[in-house]
Amino acid sequence: MSDVIDAAVTALNEKLEGEEFDSTAKFVIEDEGAVMVDGNGARAGDDDAEVTLTASADTFEQMMNGDLNPTAAFMGGKLAVDGDMGVAMKLGGILG
């Protein structure tokens, strides 16, 4: 597993702490791998999910640092969403 994926899992679990997320989402970080998010938190993995969000490592890092809003990333073409947009919006609300 790459350092980027390890850092992504840690960052997502920090953001998810105390939040309720009862769906499944997958973050695909280009050229690095994938992270699954569900009711148990975040973990490295590439399983099927209700929504798949794809971004570069830089874009993902900006979203985790709070420097880039997930909705703005999507609207600006930096974040691709495939699947249930409602689940993506819910996760975006948690991530800020």
Protein backbone atom coordinates (compact mmCIF):
# COMPACT_ATOMS: atom_id res chain seq x y z
CA MET A 1 0.00 0.00 0.00
CA SER A 2 1.31 3.44 -0.87
CA ASP A 3 2.03 6.24 1.59
CA VAL A 4 -0.64 8.31 -0.18
CA ILE A 5 -3.29 5.65 0.47
CA ASP A 6 -2.17 5.29 4.10
CA ALA A 7 -2.42 9.05 4.58
CA ALA A 8 -5.82 9.11 2.86
CA VAL A 9 -7.21 6.42 5.17
CA THR A 10 -5.95 8.32 8.22
CA ALA A 11 -7.35 11.66 6.99
CA LEU A 12 -10.74 10.18 6.10
CA ASN A 13 -11.06 8.39 9.44
CA GLU A 14 -10.32 11.67 11.24
CA LYS A 15 -13.03 13.46 9.22
CA LEU A 16 -15.52 10.62 9.76
CA GLU A 17 -15.00 10.45 13.54
CA GLY A 18 -18.32 11.07 15.26
CA GLU A 19 -20.21 11.20 11.94
CA GLU A 20 -22.76 8.70 10.70
CA PHE A 21 -22.26 7.42 7.16
CA ASP A 22 -24.42 4.39 6.35
CA SER A 23 -23.55 4.10 2.66
CA THR A 24 -20.54 2.88 0.69
CA ALA A 25 -18.19 5.12 -1.26
CA LYS A 26 -14.89 4.57 -2.99
CA PHE A 27 -12.21 7.22 -3.49
CA VAL A 28 -9.94 6.40 -6.41
CA ILE A 29 -6.73 8.38 -6.11
CA GLU A 30 -5.18 8.43 -9.57
CA ASP A 31 -1.92 6.45 -9.88
CA GLU A 32 -2.10 5.43 -6.19
CA GLY A 33 -5.06 3.14 -5.47
CA ALA A 34 -8.45 3.24 -3.80
CA VAL A 35 -9.96 3.83 -0.38
CA MET A 36 -13.33 2.47 0.73
CA VAL A 37 -15.59 4.44 3.08
CA ASP A 38 -18.58 2.89 4.85
CA GLY A 39 -20.25 2.76 8.25
CA ASN A 40 -17.08 1.30 9.77
CA GLY A 41 -14.83 4.13 8.54
CA ALA A 42 -12.17 4.24 5.85
CA ARG A 43 -9.81 1.47 4.72
CA ALA A 44 -7.68 0.66 1.71
CA GLY A 45 -9.67 -1.37 -0.78
CA ASP A 46 -11.24 -1.52 -4.20
CA ASP A 47 -14.67 -3.06 -3.62
CA ASP A 48 -17.96 -2.18 -5.26
CA ALA A 49 -19.56 0.97 -3.84
CA GLU A 50 -22.70 3.06 -4.28
CA VAL A 51 -20.55 5.93 -5.54
CA THR A 52 -17.00 6.20 -6.84
CA LEU A 53 -15.13 9.50 -6.57
CA THR A 54 -11.97 9.91 -8.62
CA ALA A 55 -9.35 12.63 -8.18
CA SER A 56 -5.62 13.24 -8.36
CA ALA A 57 -3.56 12.85 -5.19
CA ASP A 58 -3.12 16.64 -5.08
CA THR A 59 -6.86 17.31 -5.33
CA PHE A 60 -7.62 14.69 -2.69
CA GLU A 61 -5.03 16.20 -0.35
CA GLN A 62 -6.51 19.69 -0.85
CA MET A 63 -9.97 18.36 0.04
CA MET A 64 -8.67 16.64 3.17
CA ASN A 65 -6.79 19.78 4.27
CA GLY A 66 -9.89 21.91 3.84
CA ASP A 67 -8.26 23.94 1.06
CA LEU A 68 -10.74 22.69 -1.56
CA ASN A 69 -14.44 22.06 -1.03
CA PRO A 70 -15.53 18.72 -2.57
CA THR A 71 -18.44 20.41 -4.37
CA ALA A 72 -16.09 23.03 -5.83
CA ALA A 73 -13.71 20.25 -6.90
CA PHE A 74 -16.56 18.49 -8.70
CA MET A 75 -17.85 21.68 -10.33
CA GLY A 76 -14.30 22.56 -11.42
CA GLY A 77 -13.74 19.18 -13.04
CA LYS A 78 -11.12 18.07 -10.50
CA LEU A 79 -13.36 15.41 -8.93
CA ALA A 80 -15.27 12.85 -11.01
CA VAL A 81 -18.35 11.20 -9.51
CA ASP A 82 -19.80 7.94 -10.81
CA GLY A 83 -22.88 6.47 -9.15
CA ASP A 84 -25.30 7.75 -6.52
CA MET A 85 -24.98 11.53 -6.38
CA GLY A 86 -26.97 11.59 -3.11
CA VAL A 87 -24.31 9.47 -1.41
CA ALA A 88 -21.61 11.72 -2.85
CA MET A 89 -23.37 14.81 -1.48
CA LYS A 90 -23.75 13.23 1.96
CA LEU A 91 -20.06 12.35 2.06
CA GLY A 92 -19.17 15.82 0.76
CA GLY A 93 -21.12 17.33 3.63
CA ILE A 94 -19.10 15.31 6.14
CA LEU A 95 -15.80 16.18 4.50
CA GLY A 96 -16.69 19.87 4.36
